[in-house]
Structure formats: structure tokens, C-alpha cells
Amino acid sequence: MRQLIEAMVRDMLQPYLDRIEELSEETEDLRRRLQSIIRLGRVIAVHESGNLIKVQHGQLKTPFIRWFAYAAGETSDYRCPSVGEQAVLLNYGAGNNGTQTVALIGLFSDDFPAPSNDPNEIVRFYPDGSLVSYHAKNHLLKVEVKGDVVVNVDKTAKVKAGGEVTVDGSMIKLNKGTGVVTGAHKCMVTGLPHADCSSTVTAGK
């Protein structure tokens, strides 16, 4: 009689036990998916197109995925992440293969530390050592370029300074003209330096 009662109870409880097992499996799957929603990794490769990156997180690697830019509309900004740069992976599809994942970049690390520790300074540092910085407290904008600088203006360009303007260079060319006569030049007739020279604009000989 006892065995018969136990068998009847098991038969009655079996659907509930089966459902509990299903719920346990679903819960484990949800837990795994939640763990995969946000992961921290490092860039290990840049696609030849320059628009996709591959990120390793733990022992896993994503396929080539997109990354967040500062702007990506009518106004756009481009800065390709560096290999070794940290990235936060956002898995918006909660899948396992990483195809529905995007990378949020911009985390400082030991390999790529912050270029400044001054809260008043805004800095953009480039791989060749060039930089653009503005110090909000000192009101100082500094631009250091290791190579050449090209500025093209389709229309009018105006430069106005409240103080002195200093331009130093091995040679200064304005409108492809000829040499400028300054107070340092001597008159071909008198042999004396030119006297009627500008008191507000100075130039080297």
C-alpha cells in the first residue's frame, strides 16, 4: 500500500518537478545572458576598413564589431581605437556569438594612461607626441604639432588679438610676394637704415 501511495504521489508531482527543472534551466540561461550583457575587454585587432574592432574579454573574442564615436550623424567624429585599449562591451542582443555587441571605448589604463591629471585642463594627445590643450583656469590654449600644419579657409579669415602677435620662422611668405623692406635695411642711396618704418609691425631682415 505504501509503495502504491508513493507512486501515486510521484505521478501527481511529476509535472511540477518537470516544470521546476525547466524553470531552473531558464534561470541559468538568464543568469548567463545577464553576465554577458556588460563585459570589460581590450581591443586586439582593427579591421582593414578602419571602422570595426575585435575585442577580447576573458578567454572569449568578439567578431569585428562597431564602437561608439563622439558623433555619428550629420556632424561626425572619427578616432580609431588603439590595439590594447580597454573597452566596455554592451551586448544588446544578449546572444552568445557577439554579433549583437558594440564597444564603448575611452577607459584609461596602464598601457594608455591619462595625458593629464589636472581637472582644469582639457587635453587631446596624439601618438606622435602632438597635443592640443586648454587650461580653463589659466585661460591658455596650447597647440603642439610635431609635423606640418595646413589651414584652408574658403572665405574670409580674421585673426584679432588684444595684445602682441608674434610669428617666428626660418622664412615667412605672404601672398607669394617679394622681400619686405624693414628698418634693418639700408638705403641704397644714403647707406643709412630706412627711417620711415612701421612702429606697430616689425619684421626681421
C-alpha atoms as a PDB file:
ATOM      1  CA  MET A   1       0.000   0.000   0.000  1.00  0.00           C
ATOM      2  CA  ARG A   2       2.837   2.396   0.855  1.00  0.00           C
ATOM      3  CA  GLN A   3       4.539   1.835  -2.491  1.00  0.00           C
ATOM      4  CA  LEU A   4       1.255   2.434  -4.279  1.00  0.00           C
ATOM      5  CA  ILE A   5       0.758   5.736  -2.436  1.00  0.00           C
ATOM      6  CA  GLU A   6       4.338   6.826  -3.199  1.00  0.00           C
ATOM      7  CA  ALA A   7       3.836   6.006  -6.866  1.00  0.00           C
ATOM      8  CA  MET A   8       0.608   7.994  -6.975  1.00  0.00           C
ATOM      9  CA  VAL A   9       2.290  10.971  -5.285  1.00  0.00           C
ATOM     10  CA  ARG A  10       5.199  10.816  -7.739  1.00  0.00           C
ATOM     11  CA  ASP A  11       2.803  10.727 -10.660  1.00  0.00           C
ATOM     12  CA  MET A  12       0.933  13.707  -9.258  1.00  0.00           C
ATOM     13  CA  LEU A  13       4.117  15.683  -8.578  1.00  0.00           C
ATOM     14  CA  GLN A  14       5.973  14.787 -11.787  1.00  0.00           C
ATOM     15  CA  PRO A  15       4.535  17.645 -13.913  1.00  0.00           C
ATOM     16  CA  TYR A  16       5.535  20.105 -11.190  1.00  0.00           C
ATOM     17  CA  LEU A  17       9.013  18.591 -10.926  1.00  0.00           C
ATOM     18  CA  ASP A  18       9.416  18.789 -14.690  1.00  0.00           C
ATOM     19  CA  ARG A  19       8.333  22.427 -14.633  1.00  0.00           C
ATOM     20  CA  ILE A  20      10.736  23.229 -11.807  1.00  0.00           C
ATOM     21  CA  GLU A  21      13.571  21.716 -13.830  1.00  0.00           C
ATOM     22  CA  GLU A  22      12.579  23.796 -16.858  1.00  0.00           C
ATOM     23  CA  LEU A  23      12.464  26.954 -14.735  1.00  0.00           C
ATOM     24  CA  SER A  24      15.883  26.109 -13.300  1.00  0.00           C
ATOM     25  CA  GLU A  25      17.341  25.786 -16.794  1.00  0.00           C
ATOM     26  CA  GLU A  26      15.687  29.042 -17.881  1.00  0.00           C
ATOM     27  CA  THR A  27      17.026  30.805 -14.790  1.00  0.00           C
ATOM     28  CA  GLU A  28      20.543  29.572 -15.501  1.00  0.00           C
ATOM     29  CA  ASP A  29      20.240  30.742 -19.103  1.00  0.00           C
ATOM     30  CA  LEU A  30      19.060  34.177 -17.949  1.00  0.00           C
ATOM     31  CA  ARG A  31      21.919  34.371 -15.444  1.00  0.00           C
ATOM     32  CA  ARG A  32      24.426  33.557 -18.188  1.00  0.00           C
ATOM     33  CA  ARG A  33      22.878  36.105 -20.527  1.00  0.00           C
ATOM     34  CA  LEU A  34      22.924  38.801 -17.849  1.00  0.00           C
ATOM     35  CA  GLN A  35      26.609  38.147 -17.252  1.00  0.00           C
ATOM     36  CA  SER A  36      27.234  38.641 -20.970  1.00  0.00           C
ATOM     37  CA  ILE A  37      25.344  41.937 -21.287  1.00  0.00           C
ATOM     38  CA  ILE A  38      28.244  44.079 -19.995  1.00  0.00           C
ATOM     39  CA  ARG A  39      31.838  42.877 -20.166  1.00  0.00           C
ATOM     40  CA  LEU A  40      35.236  44.562 -19.890  1.00  0.00           C
ATOM     41  CA  GLY A  41      37.855  43.740 -22.506  1.00  0.00           C
ATOM     42  CA  ARG A  42      40.724  45.008 -24.652  1.00  0.00           C
ATOM     43  CA  VAL A  43      40.989  45.767 -28.348  1.00  0.00           C
ATOM     44  CA  ILE A  44      43.061  43.096 -30.057  1.00  0.00           C
ATOM     45  CA  ALA A  45      42.597  43.958 -33.743  1.00  0.00           C
ATOM     46  CA  VAL A  46      41.365  46.680 -36.092  1.00  0.00           C
ATOM     47  CA  HIS A  47      39.579  45.738 -39.301  1.00  0.00           C
ATOM     48  CA  GLU A  48      41.246  46.744 -42.562  1.00  0.00           C
ATOM     49  CA  SER A  49      38.299  49.076 -43.226  1.00  0.00           C
ATOM     50  CA  GLY A  50      39.236  51.054 -40.101  1.00  0.00           C
ATOM     51  CA  ASN A  51      35.628  51.012 -38.924  1.00  0.00           C
ATOM     52  CA  LEU A  52      35.441  47.799 -36.877  1.00  0.00           C
ATOM     53  CA  ILE A  53      37.404  46.334 -33.977  1.00  0.00           C
ATOM     54  CA  LYS A  54      37.802  42.937 -32.346  1.00  0.00           C
ATOM     55  CA  VAL A  55      37.768  42.764 -28.542  1.00  0.00           C
ATOM     56  CA  GLN A  56      38.935  40.013 -26.205  1.00  0.00           C
ATOM     57  CA  HIS A  57      37.139  39.567 -22.875  1.00  0.00           C
ATOM     58  CA  GLY A  58      38.423  36.774 -20.695  1.00  0.00           C
ATOM     59  CA  GLN A  59      39.067  33.767 -22.929  1.00  0.00           C
ATOM     60  CA  LEU A  60      36.485  34.889 -25.488  1.00  0.00           C
ATOM     61  CA  LYS A  61      36.865  37.103 -28.543  1.00  0.00           C
ATOM     62  CA  THR A  62      34.207  39.077 -30.343  1.00  0.00           C
ATOM     63  CA  PRO A  63      33.903  39.190 -34.116  1.00  0.00           C
ATOM     64  CA  PHE A  64      34.646  42.564 -35.689  1.00  0.00           C
ATOM     65  CA  ILE A  65      32.161  44.987 -34.124  1.00  0.00           C
ATOM     66  CA  ARG A  66      31.375  48.702 -34.121  1.00  0.00           C
ATOM     67  CA  TRP A  67      32.463  51.169 -31.448  1.00  0.00           C
ATOM     68  CA  PHE A  68      30.864  54.309 -30.033  1.00  0.00           C
ATOM     69  CA  ALA A  69      32.060  57.594 -31.570  1.00  0.00           C
ATOM     70  CA  TYR A  70      31.577  61.083 -30.140  1.00  0.00           C
ATOM     71  CA  ALA A  71      29.232  61.900 -33.033  1.00  0.00           C
ATOM     72  CA  ALA A  72      27.969  59.841 -35.954  1.00  0.00           C
ATOM     73  CA  GLY A  73      25.300  61.904 -37.713  1.00  0.00           C
ATOM     74  CA  GLU A  74      25.493  64.958 -39.983  1.00  0.00           C
ATOM     75  CA  THR A  75      28.261  66.030 -37.619  1.00  0.00           C
ATOM     76  CA  SER A  76      30.656  63.124 -37.230  1.00  0.00           C
ATOM     77  CA  ASP A  77      33.891  62.366 -35.451  1.00  0.00           C
ATOM     78  CA  TYR A  78      36.440  59.618 -36.134  1.00  0.00           C
ATOM     79  CA  ARG A  79      39.130  58.254 -33.870  1.00  0.00           C
ATOM     80  CA  CYS A  80      40.126  54.645 -34.387  1.00  0.00           C
ATOM     81  CA  PRO A  81      40.722  52.759 -31.104  1.00  0.00           C
ATOM     82  CA  SER A  82      44.249  51.535 -30.405  1.00  0.00           C
ATOM     83  CA  VAL A  83      45.188  47.886 -30.039  1.00  0.00           C
ATOM     84  CA  GLY A  84      45.437  47.269 -26.306  1.00  0.00           C
ATOM     85  CA  GLU A  85      42.882  49.964 -25.433  1.00  0.00           C
ATOM     86  CA  GLN A  86      40.257  48.989 -22.885  1.00  0.00           C
ATOM     87  CA  ALA A  87      36.635  48.711 -23.995  1.00  0.00           C
ATOM     88  CA  VAL A  88      33.283  48.044 -22.349  1.00  0.00           C
ATOM     89  CA  LEU A  89      31.235  45.562 -24.364  1.00  0.00           C
ATOM     90  CA  LEU A  90      27.477  46.116 -24.484  1.00  0.00           C
ATOM     91  CA  ASN A  91      25.618  43.032 -25.686  1.00  0.00           C
ATOM     92  CA  TYR A  92      22.271  44.491 -26.761  1.00  0.00           C
ATOM     93  CA  GLY A  93      21.060  41.179 -28.200  1.00  0.00           C
ATOM     94  CA  ALA A  94      22.129  39.005 -25.229  1.00  0.00           C
ATOM     95  CA  GLY A  95      23.415  36.394 -27.666  1.00  0.00           C
ATOM     96  CA  ASN A  96      26.478  34.200 -27.325  1.00  0.00           C
ATOM     97  CA  ASN A  97      28.396  34.913 -30.533  1.00  0.00           C
ATOM     98  CA  GLY A  98      28.994  38.645 -30.002  1.00  0.00           C
ATOM     99  CA  THR A  99      27.464  39.740 -33.315  1.00  0.00           C
ATOM    100  CA  GLN A 100      24.996  41.963 -31.427  1.00  0.00           C
ATOM    101  CA  THR A 101      27.678  43.671 -29.392  1.00  0.00           C
ATOM    102  CA  VAL A 102      29.116  47.190 -29.554  1.00  0.00           C
ATOM    103  CA  ALA A 103      32.202  48.586 -27.816  1.00  0.00           C
ATOM    104  CA  LEU A 104      32.325  51.652 -25.602  1.00  0.00           C
ATOM    105  CA  ILE A 105      35.892  52.967 -25.623  1.00  0.00           C
ATOM    106  CA  GLY A 106      37.669  55.677 -23.649  1.00  0.00           C
ATOM    107  CA  LEU A 107      38.897  53.977 -20.467  1.00  0.00           C
ATOM    108  CA  PHE A 108      42.386  54.899 -19.267  1.00  0.00           C
ATOM    109  CA  SER A 109      44.697  52.013 -18.405  1.00  0.00           C
ATOM    110  CA  ASP A 110      48.330  51.269 -17.567  1.00  0.00           C
ATOM    111  CA  ASP A 111      49.081  50.933 -21.282  1.00  0.00           C
ATOM    112  CA  PHE A 112      47.329  54.204 -22.122  1.00  0.00           C
ATOM    113  CA  PRO A 113      47.284  56.486 -19.044  1.00  0.00           C
ATOM    114  CA  ALA A 114      45.577  59.890 -18.907  1.00  0.00           C
ATOM    115  CA  PRO A 115      47.660  62.647 -20.578  1.00  0.00           C
ATOM    116  CA  SER A 116      46.955  64.988 -17.655  1.00  0.00           C
ATOM    117  CA  ASN A 117      45.852  64.817 -14.030  1.00  0.00           C
ATOM    118  CA  ASP A 118      44.791  68.477 -13.845  1.00  0.00           C
ATOM    119  CA  PRO A 119      40.979  68.820 -13.640  1.00  0.00           C
ATOM    120  CA  ASN A 120      41.241  72.311 -15.180  1.00  0.00           C
ATOM    121  CA  GLU A 121      42.964  71.048 -18.317  1.00  0.00           C
ATOM    122  CA  ILE A 122      41.317  69.617 -21.423  1.00  0.00           C
ATOM    123  CA  VAL A 123      43.868  67.669 -23.477  1.00  0.00           C
ATOM    124  CA  ARG A 124      43.911  65.718 -26.709  1.00  0.00           C
ATOM    125  CA  PHE A 125      47.180  63.816 -27.102  1.00  0.00           C
ATOM    126  CA  TYR A 126      48.295  62.188 -30.352  1.00  0.00           C
ATOM    127  CA  PRO A 127      50.562  59.158 -30.933  1.00  0.00           C
ATOM    128  CA  ASP A 128      53.430  61.223 -32.386  1.00  0.00           C
ATOM    129  CA  GLY A 129      53.519  63.496 -29.334  1.00  0.00           C
ATOM    130  CA  SER A 130      51.407  66.312 -30.782  1.00  0.00           C
ATOM    131  CA  LEU A 131      48.748  67.732 -28.482  1.00  0.00           C
ATOM    132  CA  VAL A 132      46.014  70.317 -28.143  1.00  0.00           C
ATOM    133  CA  SER A 133      45.244  71.516 -24.634  1.00  0.00           C
ATOM    134  CA  TYR A 134      43.221  74.247 -22.994  1.00  0.00           C
ATOM    135  CA  HIS A 135      43.644  75.243 -19.356  1.00  0.00           C
ATOM    136  CA  ALA A 136      40.348  76.715 -18.183  1.00  0.00           C
ATOM    137  CA  LYS A 137      41.818  78.315 -15.045  1.00  0.00           C
ATOM    138  CA  ASN A 138      44.844  79.856 -16.763  1.00  0.00           C
ATOM    139  CA  HIS A 139      42.900  80.654 -19.971  1.00  0.00           C
ATOM    140  CA  LEU A 140      45.700  79.155 -22.048  1.00  0.00           C
ATOM    141  CA  LEU A 141      45.229  77.302 -25.319  1.00  0.00           C
ATOM    142  CA  LYS A 142      48.311  75.372 -26.402  1.00  0.00           C
ATOM    143  CA  VAL A 143      48.841  73.545 -29.686  1.00  0.00           C
ATOM    144  CA  GLU A 144      51.981  71.497 -30.247  1.00  0.00           C
ATOM    145  CA  VAL A 145      52.393  69.813 -33.630  1.00  0.00           C
ATOM    146  CA  LYS A 146      55.322  67.520 -34.434  1.00  0.00           C
ATOM    147  CA  GLY A 147      54.710  67.726 -38.178  1.00  0.00           C
ATOM    148  CA  ASP A 148      53.177  70.252 -40.577  1.00  0.00           C
ATOM    149  CA  VAL A 149      50.016  72.353 -40.194  1.00  0.00           C
ATOM    150  CA  VAL A 150      47.655  73.124 -43.076  1.00  0.00           C
ATOM    151  CA  VAL A 151      44.719  75.524 -42.672  1.00  0.00           C
ATOM    152  CA  ASN A 152      42.413  76.099 -45.645  1.00  0.00           C
ATOM    153  CA  VAL A 153      39.695  78.763 -45.481  1.00  0.00           C
ATOM    154  CA  ASP A 154      37.182  79.065 -48.326  1.00  0.00           C
ATOM    155  CA  LYS A 155      36.112  82.590 -47.361  1.00  0.00           C
ATOM    156  CA  THR A 156      37.421  85.426 -45.206  1.00  0.00           C
ATOM    157  CA  ALA A 157      39.789  84.680 -42.336  1.00  0.00           C
ATOM    158  CA  LYS A 158      40.280  87.119 -39.478  1.00  0.00           C
ATOM    159  CA  VAL A 159      42.789  86.971 -36.636  1.00  0.00           C
ATOM    160  CA  LYS A 160      42.431  89.545 -33.856  1.00  0.00           C
ATOM    161  CA  ALA A 161      44.481  89.715 -30.696  1.00  0.00           C
ATOM    162  CA  GLY A 162      44.154  92.052 -27.727  1.00  0.00           C
ATOM    163  CA  GLY A 163      47.917  92.030 -27.250  1.00  0.00           C
ATOM    164  CA  GLU A 164      51.024  91.368 -29.285  1.00  0.00           C
ATOM    165  CA  VAL A 165      51.164  88.831 -32.111  1.00  0.00           C
ATOM    166  CA  THR A 166      54.496  87.075 -32.583  1.00  0.00           C
ATOM    167  CA  VAL A 167      55.327  84.946 -35.627  1.00  0.00           C
ATOM    168  CA  ASP A 168      58.747  83.319 -35.770  1.00  0.00           C
ATOM    169  CA  GLY A 169      60.035  81.132 -38.583  1.00  0.00           C
ATOM    170  CA  SER A 170      63.062  80.497 -40.768  1.00  0.00           C
ATOM    171  CA  MET A 171      61.094  82.164 -43.584  1.00  0.00           C
ATOM    172  CA  ILE A 172      57.724  83.940 -43.744  1.00  0.00           C
ATOM    173  CA  LYS A 173      55.879  84.129 -47.070  1.00  0.00           C
ATOM    174  CA  LEU A 174      52.843  86.359 -47.655  1.00  0.00           C
ATOM    175  CA  ASN A 175      50.900  86.116 -50.938  1.00  0.00           C
ATOM    176  CA  LYS A 176      53.950  84.795 -52.795  1.00  0.00           C
ATOM    177  CA  GLY A 177      55.397  88.340 -52.925  1.00  0.00           C
ATOM    178  CA  THR A 178      58.972  89.581 -52.889  1.00  0.00           C
ATOM    179  CA  GLY A 179      61.092  90.518 -49.903  1.00  0.00           C
ATOM    180  CA  VAL A 180      59.841  93.132 -47.427  1.00  0.00           C
ATOM    181  CA  VAL A 181      61.923  96.220 -46.662  1.00  0.00           C
ATOM    182  CA  THR A 182      62.296  96.804 -42.923  1.00  0.00           C
ATOM    183  CA  GLY A 183      64.059  99.279 -40.673  1.00  0.00           C
ATOM    184  CA  ALA A 184      67.052  96.949 -40.729  1.00  0.00           C
ATOM    185  CA  HIS A 185      67.591  97.507 -44.450  1.00  0.00           C
ATOM    186  CA  LYS A 186      69.973 100.249 -45.560  1.00  0.00           C
ATOM    187  CA  CYS A 187      69.052 102.784 -48.183  1.00  0.00           C
ATOM    188  CA  MET A 188      70.930 102.222 -51.444  1.00  0.00           C
ATOM    189  CA  VAL A 189      71.412 105.985 -51.804  1.00  0.00           C
ATOM    190  CA  THR A 190      72.342 107.151 -48.312  1.00  0.00           C
ATOM    191  CA  GLY A 191      73.673 103.889 -46.931  1.00  0.00           C
ATOM    192  CA  LEU A 192      71.677 104.517 -43.764  1.00  0.00           C
ATOM    193  CA  PRO A 193      68.860 102.325 -42.323  1.00  0.00           C
ATOM    194  CA  HIS A 194      65.410 103.197 -43.601  1.00  0.00           C
ATOM    195  CA  ALA A 195      63.843 105.641 -41.164  1.00  0.00           C
ATOM    196  CA  ASP A 196      60.177 105.706 -42.194  1.00  0.00           C
ATOM    197  CA  CYS A 197      59.206 102.271 -40.930  1.00  0.00           C
ATOM    198  CA  SER A 198      56.134 100.989 -39.154  1.00  0.00           C
ATOM    199  CA  SER A 199      56.094 101.327 -35.398  1.00  0.00           C
ATOM    200  CA  THR A 200      53.385  98.657 -34.970  1.00  0.00           C
ATOM    201  CA  VAL A 201      54.594  95.920 -37.354  1.00  0.00           C
ATOM    202  CA  THR A 202      58.156  94.664 -37.080  1.00  0.00           C
ATOM    203  CA  ALA A 203      59.993  92.013 -39.107  1.00  0.00           C
ATOM    204  CA  GLY A 204      63.461  90.553 -39.317  1.00  0.00           C
ATOM    205  CA  LYS A 205      65.715  91.327 -42.260  1.00  0.00           C
END
